Amino acid sequence: MRLLIISGRSGSGKTTALHLLEDEGYTCIDNLPVDLLPALIEQLSTSDRPSPRVAIGIDARNINNDLSRLMAMIEVGPLPRESYQVIYLDSSREVLLKRYSETRRKHPLSDGLTDLNEAIERERIILEPISNAADVTIDTSQLNLHELRSAIKYLVVGSDREGMAVLFKSFGFKYGLPVDADFVFDVRCLPNPYWDAGLRKLSGLSPEVIAFLNGEEQVEEMYNDILTFMRKWIPRFENNNRSYLTIAIGCTGGFHRSVYMSERLAKALKADYKNVQTRHRQIPDSSAPKHS
């Protein structure tokens, strides 16, 4: 049996996640009261269906919104730890405010006495026990609908099929750190193609920038050091039943060095792992995860 607990603040994409999982063959149940979870797990674990896959949506509308007991309920049940996973979707407060403003939808916790800002904060507190226990956290602040579906498919569905998923994410420090990174490597100390007028408007995907960086000794040293580190530690995460790993590579603008390094490392690890992908946060048409 495979059980997914899908949670997250309203407006962060939980419904989209459940719809995608339903398309992938999961039986989806939204807003299940927490108190009914043990009975459901017991029934599913004794089902005649071969390897049932179930996704359960739990949010702040829950009848019993004391969600601190959720993990304990699952842990004392019949499922082994590797059979279930908690997925938490979130966005920044500013993005959630903007999304509600654009759609003009009512927040489920807002009423005549609670404004939208207060409802968003109250929801964060209610869901904190789940967010703290999450195996996978997806920050959807900068993702459109297509990118969100790609991220869920990569992190959840892809791991079902191909073992542990490894994502290399390039980014620019000037735009902030990725909140979902397991490792962050800073490559700002490497020679910067930006200062070459002929390379400035190109990205780290272009042959010219690749040739420029390939010729630098420091680049080769950092590449080898990161690759050695990853080859040593990724198996430890995999042995600990992790289904995904996100490795963020950052430079100043997220356009040259970090893109180059992410692509090169992903290509090297593709020989060891089937599900290795790249995402370049600062390159708009490359924002959905891509196989290397």
C-alpha atoms as a PDB file:
ATOM      1  CA  MET A   1       0.000   0.000   0.000  1.00  0.00           C
ATOM      2  CA  ARG A   2       1.075   3.555  -0.739  1.00  0.00           C
ATOM      3  CA  LEU A   3      -0.455   6.381   1.346  1.00  0.00           C
ATOM      4  CA  LEU A   4       0.097  10.080   0.712  1.00  0.00           C
ATOM      5  CA  ILE A   5      -1.048  12.771   3.147  1.00  0.00           C
ATOM      6  CA  ILE A   6      -1.470  15.992   1.153  1.00  0.00           C
ATOM      7  CA  SER A   7      -1.732  19.216   3.123  1.00  0.00           C
ATOM      8  CA  GLY A   8      -0.936  22.895   2.829  1.00  0.00           C
ATOM      9  CA  ARG A   9      -2.301  26.381   3.189  1.00  0.00           C
ATOM     10  CA  SER A  10      -5.325  27.328   1.097  1.00  0.00           C
ATOM     11  CA  GLY A  11      -4.212  28.777  -2.210  1.00  0.00           C
ATOM     12  CA  SER A  12      -0.912  26.892  -2.311  1.00  0.00           C
ATOM     13  CA  GLY A  13      -2.055  24.162  -4.717  1.00  0.00           C
ATOM     14  CA  LYS A  14      -3.387  21.252  -2.620  1.00  0.00           C
ATOM     15  CA  THR A  15      -6.422  20.743  -4.850  1.00  0.00           C
ATOM     16  CA  THR A  16      -4.218  20.744  -7.946  1.00  0.00           C
ATOM     17  CA  ALA A  17      -2.004  18.113  -6.324  1.00  0.00           C
ATOM     18  CA  LEU A  18      -4.968  15.863  -5.541  1.00  0.00           C
ATOM     19  CA  HIS A  19      -6.335  16.184  -9.081  1.00  0.00           C
ATOM     20  CA  LEU A  20      -2.957  15.223 -10.550  1.00  0.00           C
ATOM     21  CA  LEU A  21      -2.624  12.225  -8.243  1.00  0.00           C
ATOM     22  CA  GLU A  22      -6.135  11.129  -9.190  1.00  0.00           C
ATOM     23  CA  ASP A  23      -5.089  11.259 -12.850  1.00  0.00           C
ATOM     24  CA  GLU A  24      -2.102   9.075 -11.931  1.00  0.00           C
ATOM     25  CA  GLY A  25      -4.317   6.358 -10.481  1.00  0.00           C
ATOM     26  CA  TYR A  26      -4.490   7.343  -6.801  1.00  0.00           C
ATOM     27  CA  THR A  27      -7.760   7.120  -4.893  1.00  0.00           C
ATOM     28  CA  CYS A  28      -8.137  10.647  -3.496  1.00  0.00           C
ATOM     29  CA  ILE A  29     -10.129  11.716  -0.429  1.00  0.00           C
ATOM     30  CA  ASP A  30     -10.206  15.428   0.390  1.00  0.00           C
ATOM     31  CA  ASN A  31     -10.732  16.950   3.852  1.00  0.00           C
ATOM     32  CA  LEU A  32     -10.915  13.632   5.687  1.00  0.00           C
ATOM     33  CA  PRO A  33     -11.568  14.126   9.436  1.00  0.00           C
ATOM     34  CA  VAL A  34      -8.366  13.113  11.221  1.00  0.00           C
ATOM     35  CA  ASP A  35     -10.253  10.881  13.659  1.00  0.00           C
ATOM     36  CA  LEU A  36     -11.362   8.662  10.753  1.00  0.00           C
ATOM     37  CA  LEU A  37      -7.824   8.097   9.487  1.00  0.00           C
ATOM     38  CA  PRO A  38      -6.919   5.020  11.608  1.00  0.00           C
ATOM     39  CA  ALA A  39     -10.050   3.147  10.499  1.00  0.00           C
ATOM     40  CA  LEU A  40      -9.379   4.011   6.860  1.00  0.00           C
ATOM     41  CA  ILE A  41      -5.769   2.824   7.082  1.00  0.00           C
ATOM     42  CA  GLU A  42      -6.877  -0.411   8.739  1.00  0.00           C
ATOM     43  CA  GLN A  43      -9.422  -1.057   6.015  1.00  0.00           C
ATOM     44  CA  LEU A  44      -7.013  -0.265   3.183  1.00  0.00           C
ATOM     45  CA  SER A  45      -4.204  -2.363   4.640  1.00  0.00           C
ATOM     46  CA  THR A  46      -6.477  -5.424   4.593  1.00  0.00           C
ATOM     47  CA  SER A  47      -7.957  -4.656   1.177  1.00  0.00           C
ATOM     48  CA  ASP A  48      -8.007  -7.326  -1.531  1.00  0.00           C
ATOM     49  CA  ARG A  49      -6.830  -4.734  -4.037  1.00  0.00           C
ATOM     50  CA  PRO A  50      -3.174  -5.254  -4.986  1.00  0.00           C
ATOM     51  CA  SER A  51      -1.024  -2.382  -3.672  1.00  0.00           C
ATOM     52  CA  PRO A  52      -3.722   0.312  -3.337  1.00  0.00           C
ATOM     53  CA  ARG A  53      -2.482   3.890  -3.731  1.00  0.00           C
ATOM     54  CA  VAL A  54      -4.374   6.481  -1.704  1.00  0.00           C
ATOM     55  CA  ALA A  55      -3.950  10.256  -1.323  1.00  0.00           C
ATOM     56  CA  ILE A  56      -5.724  12.011   1.547  1.00  0.00           C
ATOM     57  CA  GLY A  57      -6.154  15.776   1.694  1.00  0.00           C
ATOM     58  CA  ILE A  58      -6.080  17.280   5.188  1.00  0.00           C
ATOM     59  CA  ASP A  59      -6.326  21.002   5.822  1.00  0.00           C
ATOM     60  CA  ALA A  60      -7.369  23.595   8.388  1.00  0.00           C
ATOM     61  CA  ARG A  61     -11.073  22.972   7.737  1.00  0.00           C
ATOM     62  CA  ASN A  62     -10.740  19.646   9.560  1.00  0.00           C
ATOM     63  CA  ILE A  63     -13.493  19.003  12.098  1.00  0.00           C
ATOM     64  CA  ASN A  64     -10.842  18.276  14.685  1.00  0.00           C
ATOM     65  CA  ASN A  65      -8.226  20.906  13.924  1.00  0.00           C
ATOM     66  CA  ASP A  66      -5.842  19.625  16.583  1.00  0.00           C
ATOM     67  CA  LEU A  67      -3.586  18.101  13.952  1.00  0.00           C
ATOM     68  CA  SER A  68      -0.730  17.358  16.353  1.00  0.00           C
ATOM     69  CA  ARG A  69      -2.080  13.802  16.738  1.00  0.00           C
ATOM     70  CA  LEU A  70      -1.983  13.038  13.025  1.00  0.00           C
ATOM     71  CA  MET A  71       1.475  11.451  12.808  1.00  0.00           C
ATOM     72  CA  ALA A  72       0.947   9.465  16.005  1.00  0.00           C
ATOM     73  CA  MET A  73      -2.230   7.984  14.532  1.00  0.00           C
ATOM     74  CA  ILE A  74      -0.354   6.825  11.445  1.00  0.00           C
ATOM     75  CA  GLU A  75       2.704   5.568  13.308  1.00  0.00           C
ATOM     76  CA  VAL A  76       0.742   3.261  15.612  1.00  0.00           C
ATOM     77  CA  GLY A  77      -1.127   1.783  12.657  1.00  0.00           C
ATOM     78  CA  PRO A  78      -0.263  -1.257  10.550  1.00  0.00           C
ATOM     79  CA  LEU A  79       1.669   0.592   7.825  1.00  0.00           C
ATOM     80  CA  PRO A  80       5.484   0.412   7.713  1.00  0.00           C
ATOM     81  CA  ARG A  81       7.177   3.829   7.571  1.00  0.00           C
ATOM     82  CA  GLU A  82       8.222   3.487   3.944  1.00  0.00           C
ATOM     83  CA  SER A  83       4.568   3.016   2.899  1.00  0.00           C
ATOM     84  CA  TYR A  84       3.400   6.550   3.679  1.00  0.00           C
ATOM     85  CA  GLN A  85       4.570  10.070   2.980  1.00  0.00           C
ATOM     86  CA  VAL A  86       3.483  13.545   4.068  1.00  0.00           C
ATOM     87  CA  ILE A  87       3.481  16.198   1.324  1.00  0.00           C
ATOM     88  CA  TYR A  88       3.100  19.845   2.380  1.00  0.00           C
ATOM     89  CA  LEU A  89       2.464  22.668  -0.088  1.00  0.00           C
ATOM     90  CA  ASP A  90       3.033  26.267   0.905  1.00  0.00           C
ATOM     91  CA  SER A  91       3.506  29.764  -0.470  1.00  0.00           C
ATOM     92  CA  SER A  92       4.663  33.032   0.997  1.00  0.00           C
ATOM     93  CA  ARG A  93       2.084  35.217   2.730  1.00  0.00           C
ATOM     94  CA  GLU A  94       2.458  37.875   0.028  1.00  0.00           C
ATOM     95  CA  VAL A  95       1.773  35.377  -2.757  1.00  0.00           C
ATOM     96  CA  LEU A  96      -1.265  33.935  -0.966  1.00  0.00           C
ATOM     97  CA  LEU A  97      -2.675  37.434  -0.456  1.00  0.00           C
ATOM     98  CA  LYS A  98      -2.157  38.180  -4.148  1.00  0.00           C
ATOM     99  CA  ARG A  99      -3.798  34.930  -5.266  1.00  0.00           C
ATOM    100  CA  TYR A 100      -6.881  35.540  -3.119  1.00  0.00           C
ATOM    101  CA  SER A 101      -7.064  39.121  -4.328  1.00  0.00           C
ATOM    102  CA  GLU A 102      -6.934  38.013  -7.973  1.00  0.00           C
ATOM    103  CA  THR A 103      -9.481  35.191  -7.653  1.00  0.00           C
ATOM    104  CA  ARG A 104     -11.734  37.030  -5.149  1.00  0.00           C
ATOM    105  CA  ARG A 105     -12.321  33.729  -3.369  1.00  0.00           C
ATOM    106  CA  LYS A 106     -13.154  33.620   0.327  1.00  0.00           C
ATOM    107  CA  HIS A 107     -10.517  32.094   2.589  1.00  0.00           C
ATOM    108  CA  PRO A 108     -11.988  29.101   4.499  1.00  0.00           C
ATOM    109  CA  LEU A 109     -10.972  30.603   7.861  1.00  0.00           C
ATOM    110  CA  SER A 110     -12.037  34.180   7.199  1.00  0.00           C
ATOM    111  CA  ASP A 111     -15.286  35.540   8.599  1.00  0.00           C
ATOM    112  CA  GLY A 112     -16.766  38.831   9.655  1.00  0.00           C
ATOM    113  CA  LEU A 113     -14.265  39.126  12.511  1.00  0.00           C
ATOM    114  CA  THR A 114     -11.146  37.754  10.757  1.00  0.00           C
ATOM    115  CA  ASP A 115      -9.575  39.468   7.756  1.00  0.00           C
ATOM    116  CA  LEU A 116      -7.612  37.634   5.057  1.00  0.00           C
ATOM    117  CA  ASN A 117      -4.184  38.373   6.529  1.00  0.00           C
ATOM    118  CA  GLU A 118      -5.223  37.029   9.939  1.00  0.00           C
ATOM    119  CA  ALA A 119      -6.857  33.955   8.380  1.00  0.00           C
ATOM    120  CA  ILE A 120      -3.660  33.072   6.505  1.00  0.00           C
ATOM    121  CA  GLU A 121      -1.594  33.349   9.696  1.00  0.00           C
ATOM    122  CA  ARG A 122      -4.120  31.355  11.727  1.00  0.00           C
ATOM    123  CA  GLU A 123      -4.062  28.622   9.102  1.00  0.00           C
ATOM    124  CA  ARG A 124      -0.250  28.485   9.257  1.00  0.00           C
ATOM    125  CA  ILE A 125      -0.412  27.872  13.016  1.00  0.00           C
ATOM    126  CA  ILE A 126      -3.110  25.184  12.721  1.00  0.00           C
ATOM    127  CA  LEU A 127      -1.144  23.309  10.053  1.00  0.00           C
ATOM    128  CA  GLU A 128       2.227  23.645  11.782  1.00  0.00           C
ATOM    129  CA  PRO A 129       2.222  20.049  13.146  1.00  0.00           C
ATOM    130  CA  ILE A 130       1.865  18.746   9.589  1.00  0.00           C
ATOM    131  CA  SER A 131       4.393  21.131   8.046  1.00  0.00           C
ATOM    132  CA  ASN A 132       6.938  20.160  10.703  1.00  0.00           C
ATOM    133  CA  ALA A 133       6.412  16.454  10.002  1.00  0.00           C
ATOM    134  CA  ALA A 134       6.413  16.726   6.197  1.00  0.00           C
ATOM    135  CA  ASP A 135       8.649  14.431   4.171  1.00  0.00           C
ATOM    136  CA  VAL A 136       8.314  16.711   1.150  1.00  0.00           C
ATOM    137  CA  THR A 137       7.684  20.469   1.222  1.00  0.00           C
ATOM    138  CA  ILE A 138       6.902  22.207  -2.068  1.00  0.00           C
ATOM    139  CA  ASP A 139       7.123  25.997  -2.167  1.00  0.00           C
ATOM    140  CA  THR A 140       4.674  27.060  -4.877  1.00  0.00           C
ATOM    141  CA  SER A 141       5.281  30.813  -4.553  1.00  0.00           C
ATOM    142  CA  GLN A 142       7.012  31.090  -7.931  1.00  0.00           C
ATOM    143  CA  LEU A 143       5.242  28.234  -9.727  1.00  0.00           C
ATOM    144  CA  ASN A 144       2.426  28.537 -12.233  1.00  0.00           C
ATOM    145  CA  LEU A 145      -0.113  25.727 -12.651  1.00  0.00           C
ATOM    146  CA  HIS A 146       1.946  23.821 -15.224  1.00  0.00           C
ATOM    147  CA  GLU A 147       5.110  24.097 -13.139  1.00  0.00           C
ATOM    148  CA  LEU A 148       3.286  22.959 -10.003  1.00  0.00           C
ATOM    149  CA  ARG A 149       1.997  19.857 -11.760  1.00  0.00           C
ATOM    150  CA  SER A 150       5.511  19.139 -13.047  1.00  0.00           C
ATOM    151  CA  ALA A 151       6.992  19.523  -9.564  1.00  0.00           C
ATOM    152  CA  ILE A 152       4.437  17.172  -7.991  1.00  0.00           C
ATOM    153  CA  LYS A 153       4.887  14.636 -10.764  1.00  0.00           C
ATOM    154  CA  TYR A 154       8.648  14.778 -10.311  1.00  0.00           C
ATOM    155  CA  LEU A 155       8.749  14.648  -6.504  1.00  0.00           C
ATOM    156  CA  VAL A 156       5.895  12.231  -5.844  1.00  0.00           C
ATOM    157  CA  VAL A 157       4.841  10.277  -8.920  1.00  0.00           C
ATOM    158  CA  GLY A 158       8.360  10.057 -10.335  1.00  0.00           C
ATOM    159  CA  SER A 159       9.713   8.611  -7.105  1.00  0.00           C
ATOM    160  CA  ASP A 160       7.058   5.872  -7.275  1.00  0.00           C
ATOM    161  CA  ARG A 161       8.459   4.723 -10.579  1.00  0.00           C
ATOM    162  CA  GLU A 162      12.175   5.371 -10.595  1.00  0.00           C
ATOM    163  CA  GLY A 163      13.481   5.300  -7.042  1.00  0.00           C
ATOM    164  CA  MET A 164      14.811   8.424  -5.350  1.00  0.00           C
ATOM    165  CA  ALA A 165      14.466  11.606  -7.398  1.00  0.00           C
ATOM    166  CA  VAL A 166      17.343  14.090  -7.487  1.00  0.00           C
ATOM    167  CA  LEU A 167      16.681  17.692  -8.544  1.00  0.00           C
ATOM    168  CA  PHE A 168      19.399  20.260  -9.224  1.00  0.00           C
ATOM    169  CA  LYS A 169      17.942  23.751  -8.937  1.00  0.00           C
ATOM    170  CA  SER A 170      19.927  26.790 -10.073  1.00  0.00           C
ATOM    171  CA  PHE A 171      19.050  30.171  -8.576  1.00  0.00           C
ATOM    172  CA  GLY A 172      20.273  33.717  -8.045  1.00  0.00           C
ATOM    173  CA  PHE A 173      21.172  34.799  -4.512  1.00  0.00           C
ATOM    174  CA  LYS A 174      19.911  38.307  -5.299  1.00  0.00           C
ATOM    175  CA  TYR A 175      16.395  36.841  -5.586  1.00  0.00           C
ATOM    176  CA  GLY A 176      16.527  34.793  -2.369  1.00  0.00           C
ATOM    177  CA  LEU A 177      17.311  31.231  -1.342  1.00  0.00           C
ATOM    178  CA  PRO A 178      15.045  28.344  -2.431  1.00  0.00           C
ATOM    179  CA  VAL A 179      13.166  27.293   0.695  1.00  0.00           C
ATOM    180  CA  ASP A 180      12.854  23.658  -0.413  1.00  0.00           C
ATOM    181  CA  ALA A 181      16.582  22.934  -0.834  1.00  0.00           C
ATOM    182  CA  ASP A 182      18.251  20.088   1.072  1.00  0.00           C
ATOM    183  CA  PHE A 183      21.732  21.324   0.103  1.00  0.00           C
ATOM    184  CA  VAL A 184      22.837  24.778  -1.056  1.00  0.00           C
ATOM    185  CA  PHE A 185      26.142  25.346  -2.845  1.00  0.00           C
ATOM    186  CA  ASP A 186      27.451  28.856  -3.503  1.00  0.00           C
ATOM    187  CA  VAL A 187      29.397  29.213  -6.773  1.00  0.00           C
ATOM    188  CA  ARG A 188      29.736  33.009  -6.697  1.00  0.00           C
ATOM    189  CA  CYS A 189      33.481  32.627  -6.147  1.00  0.00           C
ATOM    190  CA  LEU A 190      33.927  31.235  -9.675  1.00  0.00           C
ATOM    191  CA  PRO A 191      34.860  33.395 -12.696  1.00  0.00           C
ATOM    192  CA  ASN A 192      31.764  35.222 -13.914  1.00  0.00           C
ATOM    193  CA  PRO A 193      30.834  35.158 -17.635  1.00  0.00           C
ATOM    194  CA  TYR A 194      28.660  38.223 -16.981  1.00  0.00           C
ATOM    195  CA  TRP A 195      31.732  40.442 -17.228  1.00  0.00           C
ATOM    196  CA  ASP A 196      32.395  39.254 -20.785  1.00  0.00           C
ATOM    197  CA  ALA A 197      30.226  41.459 -22.986  1.00  0.00           C
ATOM    198  CA  GLY A 198      29.877  38.687 -25.547  1.00  0.00           C
ATOM    199  CA  LEU A 199      28.520  36.245 -22.957  1.00  0.00           C
ATOM    200  CA  ARG A 200      26.418  38.549 -20.779  1.00  0.00           C
ATOM    201  CA  LYS A 201      23.098  37.940 -22.530  1.00  0.00           C
ATOM    202  CA  LEU A 202      23.663  34.200 -22.879  1.00  0.00           C
ATOM    203  CA  SER A 203      22.815  31.632 -20.206  1.00  0.00           C
ATOM    204  CA  GLY A 204      24.756  28.769 -18.697  1.00  0.00           C
ATOM    205  CA  LEU A 205      23.015  26.506 -21.217  1.00  0.00           C
ATOM    206  CA  SER A 206      24.782  28.118 -24.191  1.00  0.00           C
ATOM    207  CA  PRO A 207      27.879  26.474 -25.747  1.00  0.00           C
ATOM    208  CA  GLU A 208      29.833  29.736 -25.452  1.00  0.00           C
ATOM    209  CA  VAL A 209      29.328  30.037 -21.681  1.00  0.00           C
ATOM    210  CA  ILE A 210      30.017  26.322 -21.225  1.00  0.00           C
ATOM    211  CA  ALA A 211      33.300  26.663 -23.128  1.00  0.00           C
ATOM    212  CA  PHE A 212      34.269  29.701 -21.035  1.00  0.00           C
ATOM    213  CA  LEU A 213      33.668  27.917 -17.721  1.00  0.00           C
ATOM    214  CA  ASN A 214      35.153  24.605 -18.866  1.00  0.00           C
ATOM    215  CA  GLY A 215      38.473  26.351 -19.297  1.00  0.00           C
ATOM    216  CA  GLU A 216      38.695  27.559 -15.681  1.00  0.00           C
ATOM    217  CA  GLU A 217      40.672  25.522 -13.132  1.00  0.00           C
ATOM    218  CA  GLN A 218      38.572  26.749 -10.170  1.00  0.00           C
ATOM    219  CA  VAL A 219      35.409  25.594 -11.906  1.00  0.00           C
ATOM    220  CA  GLU A 220      36.841  22.113 -12.377  1.00  0.00           C
ATOM    221  CA  GLU A 221      37.904  21.912  -8.731  1.00  0.00           C
ATOM    222  CA  MET A 222      34.493  22.958  -7.411  1.00  0.00           C
ATOM    223  CA  TYR A 223      32.687  20.607  -9.794  1.00  0.00           C
ATOM    224  CA  ASN A 224      34.787  17.648  -8.642  1.00  0.00           C
ATOM    225  CA  ASP A 225      34.391  18.549  -4.956  1.00  0.00           C
ATOM    226  CA  ILE A 226      30.584  18.840  -5.155  1.00  0.00           C
ATOM    227  CA  LEU A 227      30.299  15.665  -7.230  1.00  0.00           C
ATOM    228  CA  THR A 228      32.437  13.713  -4.751  1.00  0.00           C
ATOM    229  CA  PHE A 229      30.310  15.021  -1.871  1.00  0.00           C
ATOM    230  CA  MET A 230      27.065  14.087  -3.628  1.00  0.00           C
ATOM    231  CA  ARG A 231      28.226  10.596  -4.555  1.00  0.00           C
ATOM    232  CA  LYS A 232      29.143   9.979  -0.934  1.00  0.00           C
ATOM    233  CA  TRP A 233      26.000  11.330   0.722  1.00  0.00           C
ATOM    234  CA  ILE A 234      23.126  10.721  -1.707  1.00  0.00           C
ATOM    235  CA  PRO A 235      23.184   6.947  -1.002  1.00  0.00           C
ATOM    236  CA  ARG A 236      22.867   7.697   2.734  1.00  0.00           C
ATOM    237  CA  PHE A 237      19.669   9.660   2.089  1.00  0.00           C
ATOM    238  CA  GLU A 238      18.361   6.921  -0.191  1.00  0.00           C
ATOM    239  CA  ASN A 239      19.027   4.282   2.471  1.00  0.00           C
ATOM    240  CA  ASN A 240      17.011   6.423   4.911  1.00  0.00           C
ATOM    241  CA  ASN A 241      13.905   5.989   2.712  1.00  0.00           C
ATOM    242  CA  ARG A 242      14.066   9.486   1.224  1.00  0.00           C
ATOM    243  CA  SER A 243      12.129   9.697  -2.035  1.00  0.00           C
ATOM    244  CA  TYR A 244      13.667  12.946  -3.288  1.00  0.00           C
ATOM    245  CA  LEU A 245      16.613  15.292  -2.802  1.00  0.00           C
ATOM    246  CA  THR A 246      16.824  18.931  -3.934  1.00  0.00           C
ATOM    247  CA  ILE A 247      20.295  20.381  -4.469  1.00  0.00           C
ATOM    248  CA  ALA A 248      20.385  24.149  -5.021  1.00  0.00           C
ATOM    249  CA  ILE A 249      23.307  25.772  -6.832  1.00  0.00           C
ATOM    250  CA  GLY A 250      23.442  29.562  -6.552  1.00  0.00           C
ATOM    251  CA  CYS A 251      25.350  32.378  -8.197  1.00  0.00           C
ATOM    252  CA  THR A 252      24.645  36.115  -8.154  1.00  0.00           C
ATOM    253  CA  GLY A 253      21.944  36.324 -10.818  1.00  0.00           C
ATOM    254  CA  GLY A 254      21.193  32.642 -11.360  1.00  0.00           C
ATOM    255  CA  PHE A 255      21.847  32.853 -15.085  1.00  0.00           C
ATOM    256  CA  HIS A 256      25.382  31.649 -15.857  1.00  0.00           C
ATOM    257  CA  ARG A 257      27.521  29.790 -13.300  1.00  0.00           C
ATOM    258  CA  SER A 258      24.755  28.121 -11.301  1.00  0.00           C
ATOM    259  CA  VAL A 259      22.982  26.950 -14.468  1.00  0.00           C
ATOM    260  CA  TYR A 260      26.202  25.537 -15.899  1.00  0.00           C
ATOM    261  CA  MET A 261      27.126  23.744 -12.667  1.00  0.00           C
ATOM    262  CA  SER A 262      23.614  22.314 -12.152  1.00  0.00           C
ATOM    263  CA  GLU A 263      23.509  20.890 -15.658  1.00  0.00           C
ATOM    264  CA  ARG A 264      26.993  19.414 -15.446  1.00  0.00           C
ATOM    265  CA  LEU A 265      26.424  17.780 -12.054  1.00  0.00           C
ATOM    266  CA  ALA A 266      23.042  16.408 -13.140  1.00  0.00           C
ATOM    267  CA  LYS A 267      24.591  14.886 -16.244  1.00  0.00           C
ATOM    268  CA  ALA A 268      27.280  13.168 -14.150  1.00  0.00           C
ATOM    269  CA  LEU A 269      24.803  11.743 -11.617  1.00  0.00           C
ATOM    270  CA  LYS A 270      22.479  10.512 -14.362  1.00  0.00           C
ATOM    271  CA  ALA A 271      24.830   7.537 -14.678  1.00  0.00           C
ATOM    272  CA  ASP A 272      24.018   6.543 -11.076  1.00  0.00           C
ATOM    273  CA  TYR A 273      20.341   7.545 -10.710  1.00  0.00           C
ATOM    274  CA  LYS A 274      17.461   7.234 -13.169  1.00  0.00           C
ATOM    275  CA  ASN A 275      15.432  10.223 -12.011  1.00  0.00           C
ATOM    276  CA  VAL A 276      17.819  13.199 -12.140  1.00  0.00           C
ATOM    277  CA  GLN A 277      16.410  16.530 -13.292  1.00  0.00           C
ATOM    278  CA  THR A 278      17.286  20.215 -13.449  1.00  0.00           C
ATOM    279  CA  ARG A 279      15.260  23.352 -12.901  1.00  0.00           C
ATOM    280  CA  HIS A 280      16.599  26.848 -13.537  1.00  0.00           C
ATOM    281  CA  ARG A 281      14.613  29.280 -11.426  1.00  0.00           C
ATOM    282  CA  GLN A 282      15.832  32.457 -13.086  1.00  0.00           C
ATOM    283  CA  ILE A 283      15.314  31.233 -16.658  1.00  0.00           C
ATOM    284  CA  PRO A 284      11.527  31.438 -17.229  1.00  0.00           C
ATOM    285  CA  ASP A 285      11.220  28.868 -20.033  1.00  0.00           C
ATOM    286  CA  SER A 286      13.307  26.390 -18.023  1.00  0.00           C
ATOM    287  CA  SER A 287      11.297  26.522 -14.796  1.00  0.00           C
ATOM    288  CA  ALA A 288       9.660  23.110 -15.146  1.00  0.00           C
ATOM    289  CA  PRO A 289      11.968  20.246 -14.122  1.00  0.00           C
ATOM    290  CA  LYS A 290      13.842  18.715 -17.051  1.00  0.00           C
ATOM    291  CA  HIS A 291      15.577  15.383 -17.391  1.00  0.00           C
ATOM    292  CA  SER A 292      19.316  15.764 -17.892  1.00  0.00           C
END
